[in-house]
Amino acid sequence: MFLNGEDEDLSDMFYIWKSCVGILVNTSGFAEGVGQQICASHGFLEWMEKTLTIWYTPHLKKRLKKEYLNVMEDLISIIHNCCMLNVSAIPPIRALGFVTLLERYLDTPFDLIRIATIAALADILEEKECSVLKSNESIIRIFINVLREATKAPERDCFGWEVVELARTLGQLAKIDANKTLLFRNGALGILSGLSSSTYPEEQKEAVNTIGHLAFDDEIQESLVSGDNQLIVDKMIELNQSPVPGVREAALSVLWTLSGRLKKSDKYHNTVSQMFKKKSKGHIMISYSSEHRQTLLKVKSEMESSGFSVWMDVDEMREDIYDRMAEGVMGAAVVLICISRRYKQSKYCRQEARFADQLNKQLAPLKMESDYEPDGWLDLMTAGMTYYDFSGKYRFEVPLEKLLKELHKRVYKGTSSHIRAIPCTETEEEPIEVVPHDLVSSGPNSYQRKGKQMLGKKVSVNEDCQPALERSVCCLYGKPAYTDINKLRYDLARQKFDRGSGPPLSGYGESASVTSDTDDEDETVQVNSFADTIYDNDDDVDND
């Protein structure tokens, strides 16, 4: 219906149809549920793709009626609205070939359609598809000029596109690394600098957010810290005290990204160092995007049940966002990178991952979406790593088991799944078992008596004692529960030294080895360093 826009008469039915499309444009721009229904409606996206494909050539030759051009702009705007509010709309839209179709529409002779096309592409493009923008730099220049004109207009819009939405689209383009230099070269920072002082809070927030995306680029960082755009850094420091919701966090985000360079600057060193004080604890950190929170809360619970200390920001950090981010990343032994399309687009997630990488933290990628393969910076950071697939392709227990085993290896630096017995020439009495602490504290009396009576005897470990001590910690000789295997190894080795059959030992947390002095085959117990693993037990060492 109404696919031929060249010679069809415009009937009342057409105007009813056009009005319905207009309603979808207006409602999909602020109601996420509308976009979800559009994508879920059987055949609707396919109809949109077919309509835009048929209309492309006549519109390029300017043979399409004006009313059809209006509908064309609305259809492209619907794509933009759906993807802007609902990242789950991106895969089906991409699957129907809208990227290739919209790239063709960049050649449109109509400014309104071109702006809508740039906005839609900004939401669905991936890094590998950005060559079309680089080869058509004039398109970026036109878009930036439209934003500039909108900032000058009393109504704060241009061609019906408000400053807020134009700035947000600029931010979407800036998320792709290949576009950053392009935007910088065409004057985007100048406009954003002005908008960061806007009296309209939403404009100010979008401008500062976009600066935050651009700030990942080395050339732009140099310009901001020691070049012609230092006033932007001064403005970010000022906005760090802003009472406007979202603006303070966005400004602090820019300063966080620039902090490495700013700390080397005489002008900014003291200010930035005070903002981002170091904190350190010990844990596995889950770095994620909020749409996968429920799945990751289950992962967190299972890891904690297995004895790991887990750091996961459930409250989205809010007021102390960068203090919390520093706490999470700097104190982590392992950082789980939860890969999704929105994670890749989020500057906060990128900052977490980048900071962890800079600090040489161990990274473990979790795949959260079956239809998304990492691209751009996320692909570079996780290339060659083993993925743990929590996208729903497998039963939850399958990737969980693999992840826990890998964390055991990384955290305990390759300790074996069992602790070997320490040879002893002084006695051949029955060895003591290392048993779960819940049995020692509340189990059969025989376990408790054995723990107290067999102190100083030959030691072995039963089959249930695993590197991470599974779902319970261990207790030896009836002493308080152990929370890590390396401390247990150390105490076993120290017992041998106390009996005079081994060399002096280094303090807990350092490297030490014990070698048997018997005529039997030499056997060595290596006490691994535990300073950077997820359990911090230095205060728990028994020095008696």
Protein backbone atom coordinates (compact mmCIF):
# COMPACT_ATOMS: atom_id res chain seq x y z
CA MET A 1 0.00 0.00 0.00
CA PHE A 2 1.25 3.47 -1.03
CA LEU A 3 4.59 2.07 -2.22
CA ASN A 4 4.54 4.04 -5.48
CA GLY A 5 5.08 7.64 -4.57
CA GLU A 6 5.42 8.98 -8.11
CA ASP A 7 1.96 8.77 -9.64
CA GLU A 8 -0.48 7.70 -6.95
CA ASP A 9 -3.25 10.11 -6.03
CA LEU A 10 -3.23 11.18 -2.39
CA SER A 11 -6.45 9.79 -0.95
CA ASP A 12 -7.97 10.23 2.49
CA MET A 13 -6.65 6.77 3.34
CA PHE A 14 -3.11 7.98 2.61
CA TYR A 15 -3.44 10.85 5.08
CA ILE A 16 -4.82 8.51 7.72
CA TRP A 17 -1.84 6.22 7.11
CA LYS A 18 0.57 9.17 7.21
CA SER A 19 -0.94 10.32 10.52
CA CYS A 20 -0.46 6.86 12.02
CA VAL A 21 3.21 6.89 11.03
CA GLY A 22 3.51 10.36 12.58
CA ILE A 23 2.04 9.09 15.85
CA LEU A 24 4.59 6.26 15.90
CA VAL A 25 7.41 8.77 15.43
CA ASN A 26 6.24 10.95 18.31
CA THR A 27 5.53 8.13 20.75
CA SER A 28 8.57 5.98 19.96
CA GLY A 29 10.79 8.95 20.82
CA PHE A 30 9.94 8.89 24.51
CA ALA A 31 8.21 5.55 25.21
CA GLU A 32 10.51 2.52 25.09
CA GLY A 33 7.55 0.15 24.96
CA VAL A 34 6.39 1.56 21.63
CA GLY A 35 9.73 0.73 20.04
CA GLN A 36 9.57 -2.76 21.49
CA GLN A 37 6.11 -3.29 19.98
CA ILE A 38 7.27 -1.99 16.60
CA CYS A 39 10.11 -4.51 16.53
CA ALA A 40 7.87 -7.31 17.79
CA SER A 41 5.05 -6.66 15.30
CA HIS A 42 5.24 -9.29 12.60
CA GLY A 43 6.23 -7.82 9.25
CA PHE A 44 6.35 -4.15 10.29
CA LEU A 45 10.12 -3.71 10.10
CA GLU A 46 10.14 -5.69 6.86
CA TRP A 47 7.50 -3.35 5.44
CA MET A 48 9.57 -0.31 6.45
CA GLU A 49 12.68 -1.75 4.78
CA LYS A 50 10.75 -2.55 1.58
CA THR A 51 9.15 0.90 1.47
CA LEU A 52 12.45 2.76 1.92
CA THR A 53 14.11 0.54 -0.69
CA ILE A 54 11.42 1.22 -3.31
CA TRP A 55 11.35 4.95 -2.62
CA TYR A 56 15.11 5.46 -2.70
CA THR A 57 15.63 5.92 -6.47
CA PRO A 58 12.60 8.19 -7.16
CA HIS A 59 13.45 10.34 -4.14
CA LEU A 60 17.05 10.66 -5.37
CA LYS A 61 15.73 11.86 -8.74
CA LYS A 62 13.33 14.20 -6.91
CA ARG A 63 10.31 12.48 -8.42
CA LEU A 64 8.72 11.60 -5.06
CA LYS A 65 5.83 13.69 -3.82
CA LYS A 66 6.52 15.93 -0.81
CA GLU A 67 4.05 14.02 1.35
CA TYR A 68 5.95 10.81 0.68
CA LEU A 69 9.22 12.53 1.57
CA ASN A 70 7.68 13.44 4.92
CA VAL A 71 6.74 9.80 5.52
CA MET A 72 10.24 8.74 4.46
CA GLU A 73 11.79 11.00 7.09
CA ASP A 74 9.35 9.66 9.68
CA LEU A 75 10.20 6.02 8.90
CA ILE A 76 13.92 6.67 9.29
CA SER A 77 13.24 8.61 12.50
CA ILE A 78 11.30 5.63 13.87
CA ILE A 79 14.41 3.48 13.38
CA HIS A 80 16.43 6.07 15.27
CA ASN A 81 13.90 6.29 18.11
CA CYS A 82 13.62 2.52 18.54
CA CYS A 83 17.37 2.05 18.79
CA MET A 84 17.93 5.16 20.91
CA LEU A 85 15.70 3.90 23.72
CA ASN A 86 15.99 0.14 23.32
CA VAL A 87 19.30 -1.53 22.47
CA SER A 88 17.50 -4.84 21.89
CA ALA A 89 15.98 -3.27 18.76
CA ILE A 90 19.38 -3.02 17.10
CA PRO A 91 19.93 -6.71 16.16
CA PRO A 92 16.65 -7.20 14.24
CA ILE A 93 17.07 -3.86 12.49
CA ARG A 94 20.63 -4.69 11.49
CA ALA A 95 19.58 -8.18 10.40
CA LEU A 96 17.15 -6.69 7.86
CA GLY A 97 19.95 -4.78 6.12
CA PHE A 98 19.11 -1.29 7.36
CA VAL A 99 22.80 -0.37 7.70
CA THR A 100 23.43 -0.79 3.97
CA LEU A 101 20.11 0.82 3.09
CA LEU A 102 20.67 3.88 5.27
CA GLU A 103 24.22 4.32 4.03
CA ARG A 104 22.71 4.87 0.58
CA TYR A 105 20.42 7.53 2.03
CA LEU A 106 23.43 9.61 3.07
CA ASP A 107 23.47 10.78 -0.56
CA THR A 108 19.98 12.27 -0.27
CA PRO A 109 19.54 15.80 -1.58
CA PHE A 110 17.17 16.61 1.31
CA ASP A 111 18.65 17.94 4.56
CA LEU A 112 15.85 16.66 6.81
CA ILE A 113 16.25 13.11 5.53
CA ARG A 114 20.03 13.35 5.83
CA ILE A 115 19.86 14.37 9.50
CA ALA A 116 17.44 11.55 10.31
CA THR A 117 19.70 9.10 8.46
CA ILE A 118 22.82 10.19 10.38
CA ALA A 119 20.92 9.87 13.68
CA ALA A 120 19.70 6.36 12.81
CA LEU A 121 23.11 5.20 11.62
CA ALA A 122 24.76 6.58 14.75
CA ASP A 123 22.67 4.14 16.78
CA ILE A 124 23.27 0.97 14.72
CA LEU A 125 26.74 1.31 13.15
CA GLU A 126 29.65 -0.79 14.36
CA GLU A 127 33.33 0.07 14.09
CA LYS A 128 33.92 -1.95 10.93
CA GLU A 129 31.15 -0.05 9.10
CA CYS A 130 32.37 3.51 9.65
CA SER A 131 34.34 3.88 6.43
CA VAL A 132 31.30 5.41 4.79
CA LEU A 133 31.46 8.38 7.17
CA LYS A 134 35.22 8.80 6.75
CA SER A 135 34.82 8.84 2.96
CA ASN A 136 31.98 11.39 3.22
CA GLU A 137 33.43 13.88 5.68
CA SER A 138 31.17 16.59 4.32
CA ILE A 139 28.23 14.75 5.89
CA ILE A 140 29.77 15.14 9.35
CA ARG A 141 30.52 18.77 8.62
CA ILE A 142 26.91 19.40 7.61
CA PHE A 143 25.63 17.70 10.77
CA ILE A 144 27.90 19.77 13.03
CA ASN A 145 26.76 22.94 11.24
CA VAL A 146 23.14 21.96 11.87
CA LEU A 147 23.94 21.61 15.58
CA ARG A 148 25.71 24.96 15.56
CA GLU A 149 22.69 26.66 13.98
CA ALA A 150 20.37 25.01 16.50
CA THR A 151 22.37 26.48 19.39
CA LYS A 152 21.88 29.95 17.92
CA ALA A 153 18.14 29.63 17.38
CA PRO A 154 15.74 30.99 20.04
CA GLU A 155 13.74 27.77 19.79
CA ARG A 156 16.96 25.74 20.27
CA ASP A 157 16.37 23.64 17.17
CA CYS A 158 17.16 23.41 13.47
CA PHE A 159 14.92 21.69 10.91
CA GLY A 160 12.81 20.52 13.83
CA TRP A 161 15.75 18.74 15.53
CA GLU A 162 16.40 20.02 19.03
CA VAL A 163 19.89 20.74 20.39
CA VAL A 164 19.55 17.94 22.95
CA GLU A 165 18.91 15.25 20.35
CA LEU A 166 21.55 16.55 17.98
CA ALA A 167 24.12 16.57 20.78
CA ARG A 168 23.12 13.06 21.76
CA THR A 169 23.56 11.87 18.16
CA LEU A 170 27.01 13.48 18.14
CA GLY A 171 27.73 11.47 21.28
CA GLN A 172 26.60 8.25 19.58
CA LEU A 173 28.96 8.96 16.68
CA ALA A 174 31.76 9.71 19.16
CA LYS A 175 31.43 6.27 20.76
CA ILE A 176 33.05 4.78 17.66
CA ASP A 177 36.80 5.34 17.76
CA ALA A 178 37.09 5.78 14.01
CA ASN A 179 34.82 8.85 14.20
CA LYS A 180 36.58 10.70 17.02
CA THR A 181 39.30 12.36 14.93
CA LEU A 182 36.73 13.13 12.25
CA LEU A 183 34.52 14.99 14.72
CA PHE A 184 37.49 16.72 16.35
CA ARG A 185 38.85 17.90 12.99
CA ASN A 186 35.49 19.40 12.07
CA GLY A 187 35.10 21.54 15.19
CA ALA A 188 32.91 19.38 17.44
CA LEU A 189 34.83 20.31 20.60
CA GLY A 190 34.23 24.02 20.09
CA ILE A 191 30.46 23.58 19.96
CA LEU A 192 30.45 21.13 22.87
CA SER A 193 32.54 23.53 24.95
CA GLY A 194 29.87 26.18 24.50
CA LEU A 195 27.07 23.73 25.29
CA SER A 196 28.80 22.68 28.51
CA SER A 197 27.92 26.17 29.81
CA SER A 198 24.32 25.99 28.57
CA THR A 199 21.58 27.10 30.93
CA TYR A 200 19.53 24.11 29.77
CA PRO A 201 20.52 21.13 31.97
CA GLU A 202 19.76 18.42 29.39
CA GLU A 203 21.84 20.17 26.74
CA GLN A 204 24.66 20.59 29.21
CA LYS A 205 24.57 16.92 30.21
CA GLU A 206 24.57 15.63 26.62
CA ALA A 207 27.45 17.96 25.70
CA VAL A 208 29.61 16.84 28.62
CA ASN A 209 28.77 13.18 27.95
CA THR A 210 29.90 13.59 24.35
CA ILE A 211 33.16 15.25 25.47
CA GLY A 212 33.63 12.19 27.66
CA HIS A 213 33.40 9.86 24.65
CA LEU A 214 35.82 11.98 22.61
CA ALA A 215 38.30 12.11 25.49
CA PHE A 216 39.40 8.51 24.90
CA ASP A 217 41.33 9.63 21.80
CA ASP A 218 45.04 10.42 22.38
CA GLU A 219 45.11 13.43 20.07
CA ILE A 220 42.03 14.90 21.72
CA GLN A 221 43.47 14.23 25.18
CA GLU A 222 46.58 16.17 24.24
CA SER A 223 44.45 19.06 23.02
CA LEU A 224 42.39 19.10 26.23
CA VAL A 225 45.28 18.86 28.70
CA SER A 226 47.99 20.95 27.10
CA GLY A 227 46.57 22.31 23.86
CA ASP A 228 43.99 24.81 22.71
CA ASN A 229 41.08 23.25 24.62
CA GLN A 230 42.31 23.51 28.23
CA LEU A 231 39.30 25.66 29.07
CA ILE A 232 37.19 22.52 28.70
CA VAL A 233 39.17 20.83 31.49
CA ASP A 234 38.70 23.93 33.67
CA LYS A 235 34.99 23.76 32.95
CA MET A 236 34.87 20.06 33.88
CA ILE A 237 36.53 20.82 37.22
CA GLU A 238 33.94 23.53 37.80
CA LEU A 239 31.06 21.23 36.83
CA ASN A 240 32.35 18.63 39.29
CA GLN A 241 30.48 20.74 41.84
CA SER A 242 27.32 21.07 39.73
CA PRO A 243 24.00 20.43 41.50
CA VAL A 244 22.36 19.36 38.22
CA PRO A 245 21.65 15.60 38.19
CA GLY A 246 23.91 13.83 35.73
CA VAL A 247 26.11 16.81 34.94
CA ARG A 248 28.52 16.32 37.85
CA GLU A 249 28.92 12.63 37.04
CA ALA A 250 29.51 13.38 33.35
CA ALA A 251 32.16 16.01 34.18
CA LEU A 252 33.88 13.67 36.60
CA SER A 253 33.85 11.03 33.86
CA VAL A 254 35.85 13.32 31.57
CA LEU A 255 38.39 14.04 34.33
CA TRP A 256 38.68 10.33 35.13
CA THR A 257 39.47 9.51 31.49
CA LEU A 258 42.06 12.29 31.38
CA SER A 259 43.46 11.60 34.85
CA GLY A 260 46.62 9.88 33.60
CA ARG A 261 47.68 12.97 31.66
CA LEU A 262 46.28 15.45 34.17
CA LYS A 263 48.38 13.97 37.00
CA LYS A 264 51.49 14.69 34.93
CA SER A 265 50.42 18.31 34.47
CA ASP A 266 51.76 20.93 36.91
CA LYS A 267 48.49 22.81 36.57
CA TYR A 268 46.11 19.94 37.33
CA HIS A 269 48.16 17.40 39.32
CA ASN A 270 47.07 18.31 42.84
CA THR A 271 43.40 18.77 41.94
CA VAL A 272 43.06 15.47 40.12
CA SER A 273 45.12 13.47 42.63
CA GLN A 274 42.79 14.63 45.38
CA MET A 275 39.73 13.63 43.36
CA PHE A 276 40.88 10.10 42.66
CA LYS A 277 42.52 8.69 45.77
CA LYS A 278 43.63 5.10 45.59
CA LYS A 279 41.75 2.42 47.46
CA SER A 280 42.54 -1.24 47.67
CA LYS A 281 40.74 -4.32 48.94
CA GLY A 282 40.61 -7.73 47.35
CA HIS A 283 37.90 -9.28 45.19
CA ILE A 284 36.62 -10.32 41.80
CA MET A 285 35.01 -7.33 40.10
CA ILE A 286 32.01 -7.68 37.77
CA SER A 287 32.06 -4.89 35.17
CA TYR A 288 28.71 -4.89 33.38
CA SER A 289 25.87 -3.00 31.75
CA SER A 290 22.65 -2.85 33.74
CA GLU A 291 20.39 -4.78 31.34
CA HIS A 292 22.14 -8.02 32.40
CA ARG A 293 22.05 -7.35 36.14
CA GLN A 294 19.73 -10.23 37.07
CA THR A 295 21.85 -12.86 35.34
CA LEU A 296 25.02 -11.47 36.87
CA LEU A 297 23.51 -11.37 40.34
CA LYS A 298 23.10 -15.14 40.01
CA VAL A 299 26.74 -15.42 38.91
CA LYS A 300 27.77 -13.28 41.88
CA SER A 301 25.82 -15.46 44.30
CA GLU A 302 27.41 -18.64 42.95
CA MET A 303 30.90 -17.17 43.16
CA GLU A 304 30.35 -16.07 46.74
CA SER A 305 29.04 -19.51 47.59
CA SER A 306 32.30 -20.89 46.21
CA GLY A 307 34.30 -18.77 48.61
CA PHE A 308 35.17 -15.79 46.39
CA SER A 309 34.88 -12.19 47.48
CA VAL A 310 32.90 -10.40 44.75
CA TRP A 311 32.57 -6.67 44.01
CA MET A 312 29.54 -5.72 41.93
CA ASP A 313 28.00 -2.28 41.84
CA VAL A 314 24.28 -2.90 42.14
CA ASP A 315 23.34 0.71 42.95
CA GLU A 316 24.96 2.12 39.78
CA MET A 317 27.44 4.14 41.83
CA ARG A 318 25.43 7.39 41.81
CA GLU A 319 27.05 10.14 43.87
CA ASP A 320 30.49 8.63 44.46
CA ILE A 321 30.75 7.04 41.03
CA TYR A 322 34.52 7.37 40.55
CA ASP A 323 35.43 6.60 44.13
CA ARG A 324 33.42 3.42 43.71
CA MET A 325 34.97 2.70 40.33
CA ALA A 326 38.46 3.12 41.80
CA GLU A 327 37.53 0.86 44.69
CA GLY A 328 36.19 -1.78 42.35
CA VAL A 329 38.99 -1.82 39.80
CA MET A 330 42.06 -1.07 41.91
CA GLY A 331 41.20 -3.67 44.53
CA ALA A 332 40.37 -6.40 42.01
CA ALA A 333 42.45 -9.50 41.40
CA VAL A 334 40.27 -10.45 38.41
CA VAL A 335 37.84 -8.26 36.45
CA LEU A 336 34.94 -9.91 34.62
CA ILE A 337 34.19 -7.98 31.42
CA CYS A 338 30.52 -8.64 30.60
CA ILE A 339 30.39 -8.20 26.84
CA SER A 340 27.29 -6.71 25.27
CA ARG A 341 26.44 -4.07 22.71
CA ARG A 342 25.48 -1.53 25.38
CA TYR A 343 28.65 -2.31 27.38
CA LYS A 344 30.71 -1.39 24.34
CA GLN A 345 28.81 1.87 23.91
CA SER A 346 28.94 2.90 27.59
CA LYS A 347 31.75 5.28 28.45
CA TYR A 348 31.58 4.22 32.11
CA CYS A 349 32.05 0.58 31.18
CA ARG A 350 34.87 1.52 28.84
CA GLN A 351 36.55 3.48 31.61
CA GLU A 352 36.33 0.52 33.98
CA ALA A 353 37.74 -1.89 31.41
CA ARG A 354 40.44 0.52 30.28
CA PHE A 355 41.50 1.29 33.85
CA ALA A 356 41.67 -2.41 34.68
CA ASP A 357 43.78 -3.01 31.58
CA GLN A 358 46.13 -0.16 32.46
CA LEU A 359 46.63 -1.63 35.92
CA ASN A 360 47.40 -5.04 34.37
CA LYS A 361 44.46 -6.66 36.10
CA GLN A 362 43.51 -10.13 34.94
CA LEU A 363 40.48 -9.94 32.64
CA ALA A 364 37.89 -12.64 31.98
CA PRO A 365 35.22 -11.89 29.32
CA LEU A 366 31.62 -13.05 29.80
CA LYS A 367 29.48 -13.09 26.66
CA MET A 368 26.02 -11.78 27.49
CA GLU A 369 24.39 -11.54 24.04
CA SER A 370 24.41 -14.30 21.43
CA ASP A 371 23.88 -11.90 18.53
CA TYR A 372 26.71 -9.51 19.39
CA GLU A 373 30.40 -10.01 18.65
CA PRO A 374 32.70 -7.41 20.24
CA ASP A 375 34.04 -4.75 17.92
CA GLY A 376 36.29 -1.71 18.20
CA TRP A 377 38.07 -1.15 21.51
CA LEU A 378 36.22 -4.05 23.16
CA ASP A 379 37.39 -6.46 20.46
CA LEU A 380 40.99 -5.28 20.83
CA MET A 381 40.89 -5.64 24.61
CA THR A 382 39.42 -9.16 24.67
CA ALA A 383 40.98 -10.60 21.51
CA GLY A 384 42.36 -14.08 22.07
CA MET A 385 40.67 -14.55 25.44
CA THR A 386 38.39 -17.44 26.32
CA TYR A 387 34.74 -16.35 26.51
CA TYR A 388 32.29 -17.67 29.10
CA ASP A 389 28.92 -17.69 27.37
CA PHE A 390 26.06 -16.52 29.63
CA SER A 391 23.91 -15.41 26.67
CA GLY A 392 21.41 -18.23 27.21
CA LYS A 393 22.86 -20.46 24.51
CA TYR A 394 23.81 -22.99 27.19
CA ARG A 395 22.34 -23.97 30.53
CA PHE A 396 23.48 -21.52 33.19
CA GLU A 397 25.46 -24.20 35.03
CA VAL A 398 27.68 -24.98 32.01
CA PRO A 399 29.54 -21.65 31.66
CA LEU A 400 29.38 -21.15 35.43
CA GLU A 401 31.34 -24.33 36.10
CA LYS A 402 33.99 -23.36 33.53
CA LEU A 403 34.25 -19.84 34.95
CA LEU A 404 34.69 -21.03 38.53
CA LYS A 405 37.40 -23.47 37.49
CA GLU A 406 39.25 -20.73 35.64
CA LEU A 407 38.97 -18.33 38.57
CA HIS A 408 40.36 -21.02 40.86
CA LYS A 409 43.40 -21.34 38.58
CA ARG A 410 43.96 -17.60 38.28
CA VAL A 411 43.35 -16.74 41.89
CA TYR A 412 45.45 -19.50 43.32
CA LYS A 413 48.20 -19.20 40.73
CA GLY A 414 48.18 -22.78 39.58
CA THR A 415 48.02 -24.57 42.94
CA SER A 416 47.04 -28.19 42.48
CA SER A 417 43.56 -29.42 43.26
CA HIS A 418 44.91 -31.27 46.30
CA ILE A 419 47.54 -30.38 48.90
CA ARG A 420 50.27 -32.98 48.99
CA ALA A 421 51.23 -34.60 52.28
CA ILE A 422 54.38 -33.30 53.96
CA PRO A 423 56.79 -36.20 54.65
CA CYS A 424 57.79 -36.68 58.25
CA THR A 425 60.40 -39.07 59.72
CA GLU A 426 59.43 -38.60 63.36
CA THR A 427 56.22 -40.61 63.36
CA GLU A 428 54.20 -43.01 61.33
CA GLU A 429 50.99 -42.30 63.21
CA GLU A 430 47.65 -41.89 61.52
CA PRO A 431 47.50 -38.64 59.51
CA ILE A 432 45.09 -35.85 60.32
CA GLU A 433 42.41 -35.05 57.77
CA VAL A 434 41.62 -31.51 56.72
CA VAL A 435 37.85 -31.38 56.98
CA PRO A 436 35.21 -28.74 56.20
CA HIS A 437 34.86 -26.24 59.01
CA ASP A 438 31.16 -26.95 59.46
CA LEU A 439 32.00 -30.54 60.42
CA VAL A 440 34.64 -29.40 62.90
CA SER A 441 32.33 -26.92 64.57
CA SER A 442 29.12 -28.91 64.48
CA GLY A 443 29.94 -32.37 63.10
CA PRO A 444 30.72 -35.66 64.86
CA ASN A 445 32.82 -35.41 68.00
CA SER A 446 35.41 -37.69 66.40
CA TYR A 447 36.34 -34.91 63.99
CA GLN A 448 36.71 -32.41 66.81
CA ARG A 449 38.77 -34.79 68.97
CA LYS A 450 40.96 -35.71 66.02
CA GLY A 451 41.66 -32.07 65.31
CA LYS A 452 42.78 -31.46 68.90
CA GLN A 453 44.61 -34.72 69.62
CA MET A 454 46.66 -35.13 66.45
CA LEU A 455 48.51 -31.80 66.49
CA GLY A 456 52.09 -32.36 65.33
CA LYS A 457 51.32 -35.56 63.44
CA LYS A 458 51.74 -36.35 59.78
CA VAL A 459 49.21 -34.47 57.65
CA SER A 460 47.26 -35.43 54.54
CA VAL A 461 44.30 -33.89 52.79
CA ASN A 462 41.06 -35.60 51.83
CA GLU A 463 39.55 -35.57 48.35
CA ASP A 464 36.99 -32.90 49.22
CA CYS A 465 39.54 -30.13 49.71
CA GLN A 466 39.61 -28.07 46.50
CA PRO A 467 41.76 -25.04 45.57
CA ALA A 468 39.03 -22.52 46.38
CA LEU A 469 37.76 -24.75 49.19
CA GLU A 470 34.50 -25.13 47.29
CA ARG A 471 31.46 -24.03 49.28
CA SER A 472 33.11 -24.13 52.68
CA VAL A 473 36.41 -23.18 54.17
CA CYS A 474 38.73 -25.62 55.92
CA CYS A 475 39.80 -26.10 59.50
CA LEU A 476 43.02 -27.72 60.60
CA TYR A 477 43.74 -29.20 64.05
CA GLY A 478 40.56 -27.63 65.41
CA LYS A 479 41.95 -24.12 64.82
CA PRO A 480 39.82 -21.30 63.31
CA ALA A 481 38.66 -21.86 59.74
CA TYR A 482 41.09 -21.25 56.91
CA THR A 483 39.92 -19.03 54.08
CA ASP A 484 42.61 -19.80 51.54
CA ILE A 485 44.79 -22.69 50.52
CA ASN A 486 48.10 -20.84 50.50
CA LYS A 487 47.82 -20.04 54.20
CA LEU A 488 46.98 -23.68 54.83
CA ARG A 489 50.05 -24.75 52.86
CA TYR A 490 52.18 -22.33 54.83
CA ASP A 491 51.00 -23.67 58.20
CA LEU A 492 51.60 -27.25 57.08
CA ALA A 493 55.12 -26.37 55.99
CA ARG A 494 55.75 -24.41 59.20
CA GLN A 495 54.73 -27.46 61.25
CA LYS A 496 57.54 -29.39 59.54
CA PHE A 497 60.07 -26.65 60.32
CA ASP A 498 58.93 -26.50 63.96
CA ARG A 499 59.80 -30.21 64.23
CA GLY A 500 63.32 -29.42 63.01
CA SER A 501 63.04 -31.12 59.65
CA GLY A 502 62.90 -28.12 57.36
CA PRO A 503 64.59 -24.78 56.59
CA PRO A 504 63.38 -21.41 57.94
CA LEU A 505 60.26 -20.04 56.25
CA SER A 506 59.54 -16.60 54.92
CA GLY A 507 56.55 -14.71 56.24
CA TYR A 508 53.07 -15.53 54.94
CA GLY A 509 52.46 -13.97 51.56
CA GLU A 510 56.09 -14.38 50.46
CA SER A 511 57.61 -17.23 48.49
CA ALA A 512 59.02 -20.13 50.46
CA SER A 513 59.67 -23.81 49.86
CA VAL A 514 60.17 -26.81 52.10
CA THR A 515 62.16 -29.86 51.02
CA SER A 516 62.11 -33.22 52.72
CA ASP A 517 65.29 -34.33 54.45
CA THR A 518 64.30 -38.01 54.47
CA ASP A 519 65.80 -40.77 52.36
CA ASP A 520 62.59 -40.90 50.40
CA GLU A 521 62.19 -39.13 47.10
CA ASP A 522 62.47 -35.39 47.62
CA GLU A 523 59.16 -33.63 47.82
CA THR A 524 58.74 -29.88 47.78
CA VAL A 525 55.78 -27.77 48.88
CA GLN A 526 55.78 -24.36 47.19
CA VAL A 527 54.13 -21.55 49.17
CA ASN A 528 52.90 -19.11 46.56
CA SER A 529 52.67 -15.37 47.01
CA PHE A 530 49.13 -14.35 47.84
CA ALA A 531 49.51 -10.59 47.89
CA ASP A 532 47.41 -9.95 44.80
CA THR A 533 44.74 -12.61 45.08
CA ILE A 534 41.15 -12.15 46.11
CA TYR A 535 41.43 -13.12 49.75
CA ASP A 536 43.20 -10.65 52.00
CA ASN A 537 44.16 -12.66 55.08
CA ASP A 538 47.43 -11.07 56.19
CA ASP A 539 45.80 -10.04 59.43
CA ASP A 540 44.64 -13.60 60.09
CA VAL A 541 48.09 -15.25 60.21
CA ASP A 542 48.75 -17.17 63.38
CA ASN A 543 52.32 -16.40 64.41
CA ASP A 544 52.34 -18.52 67.54
